[in-house]
Protein backbone atom coordinates (compact mmCIF):
# COMPACT_ATOMS: atom_id res chain seq x y z
CA MET A 1 28.65 23.63 31.64
CA ALA A 2 29.32 22.03 35.01
CA LYS A 3 26.63 19.98 36.70
CA PRO A 4 25.99 20.33 40.46
CA ARG A 5 26.47 17.38 42.79
CA GLN A 6 23.45 15.28 43.73
CA GLY A 7 21.04 17.18 45.98
CA LYS A 8 22.55 20.57 45.15
CA ALA A 9 20.89 23.30 43.10
CA ARG A 10 23.78 25.27 41.60
CA VAL A 11 27.48 25.03 40.82
CA LYS A 12 30.18 27.66 40.43
CA VAL A 13 33.47 26.97 38.70
CA THR A 14 36.27 29.02 40.26
CA LYS A 15 39.21 30.51 38.34
CA THR A 16 41.36 27.55 39.39
CA GLY A 17 38.80 25.14 37.90
CA LYS A 18 37.40 23.87 41.20
CA LYS A 19 33.65 23.15 41.15
CA VAL A 20 31.68 24.38 44.18
CA SER A 21 28.13 23.02 44.48
CA TYR A 22 25.72 24.83 46.80
CA GLY A 23 22.02 25.28 47.63
CA GLN A 24 19.29 22.73 48.17
CA ALA A 25 17.87 21.26 44.97
CA GLY A 26 14.20 20.92 44.15
CA LYS A 27 11.09 22.99 44.67
CA ALA A 28 9.47 24.29 47.86
CA LYS A 29 6.48 22.48 49.38
CA ASP A 30 4.03 24.75 47.55
CA GLY A 31 5.71 23.99 44.22
CA GLY A 32 7.28 27.44 43.89
CA PRO A 33 10.95 28.37 43.93
CA ARG A 34 12.90 27.36 47.04
CA VAL A 35 14.81 30.65 47.27
CA LYS A 36 12.60 33.71 47.84
CA PRO A 37 14.71 36.76 48.77
CA GLY A 38 12.98 39.59 50.61
CA THR A 39 10.51 37.33 52.45
CA SER A 40 10.29 36.29 56.09
CA LYS A 41 11.68 32.90 55.04
CA GLY A 42 14.66 34.74 53.54
CA ASP A 43 15.14 36.73 56.73
CA ALA A 44 15.11 33.50 58.75
CA TYR A 45 17.73 31.93 56.44
CA CYS A 46 19.95 35.03 56.63
CA ALA A 47 19.75 35.12 60.43
CA ARG A 48 20.65 31.41 60.63
CA SER A 49 23.50 31.68 58.14
CA ASP A 50 24.85 34.79 59.88
CA GLY A 51 25.43 32.55 62.89
CA GLN A 52 27.26 30.08 60.65
CA MET A 53 29.47 32.93 59.38
CA LYS A 54 30.52 33.60 62.98
CA LYS A 55 30.98 29.91 63.78
CA HIS A 56 33.06 29.19 60.66
CA PRO A 57 35.37 32.18 60.02
CA LYS A 58 37.36 30.34 57.34
CA ALA A 59 34.22 29.83 55.21
CA ALA A 60 33.12 33.40 55.95
CA LYS A 61 36.36 34.80 54.47
CA ASN A 62 36.26 32.65 51.31
CA PRO A 63 34.02 34.25 48.63
CA ASN A 64 33.65 30.86 46.88
CA SER A 65 32.47 28.90 49.93
CA PRO A 66 28.98 27.35 49.67
CA LEU A 67 27.93 29.48 52.65
CA ARG A 68 28.88 32.76 50.96
CA LEU A 69 27.43 31.70 47.58
CA SER A 70 24.10 30.74 49.19
CA ARG A 71 23.93 34.01 51.13
CA LYS A 72 24.52 35.87 47.87
CA ARG A 73 21.68 33.94 46.21
CA TRP A 74 19.34 34.85 49.10
CA ARG A 75 20.60 38.48 48.87
CA CYS A 76 21.55 38.53 52.55
CA SER A 77 22.76 41.71 54.18
CA GLY A 78 23.57 40.94 57.80
CA THR A 79 20.52 39.12 59.17
CA LYS A 80 18.05 40.44 56.56
CA SER A 81 17.19 39.31 53.03
CA LYS A 82 16.63 42.12 50.54
């Protein structure tokens, strides 16, 4: 099992063996989980990261980029979190 880099929450090992760490580690201020899909916080993240998808087309096309993996974890569809 691969271990994420310091400060990162998760890691994905690609077919080529490359390790991609993504997501902020730790808990939210209230002590709950940091990622809460379907909430207003999730909608805000998805709207922000949608702008990053437009700004960084290379990362947007790569399914193993930290940006795409984080959006998947937040269950983003466009600018909304489901």
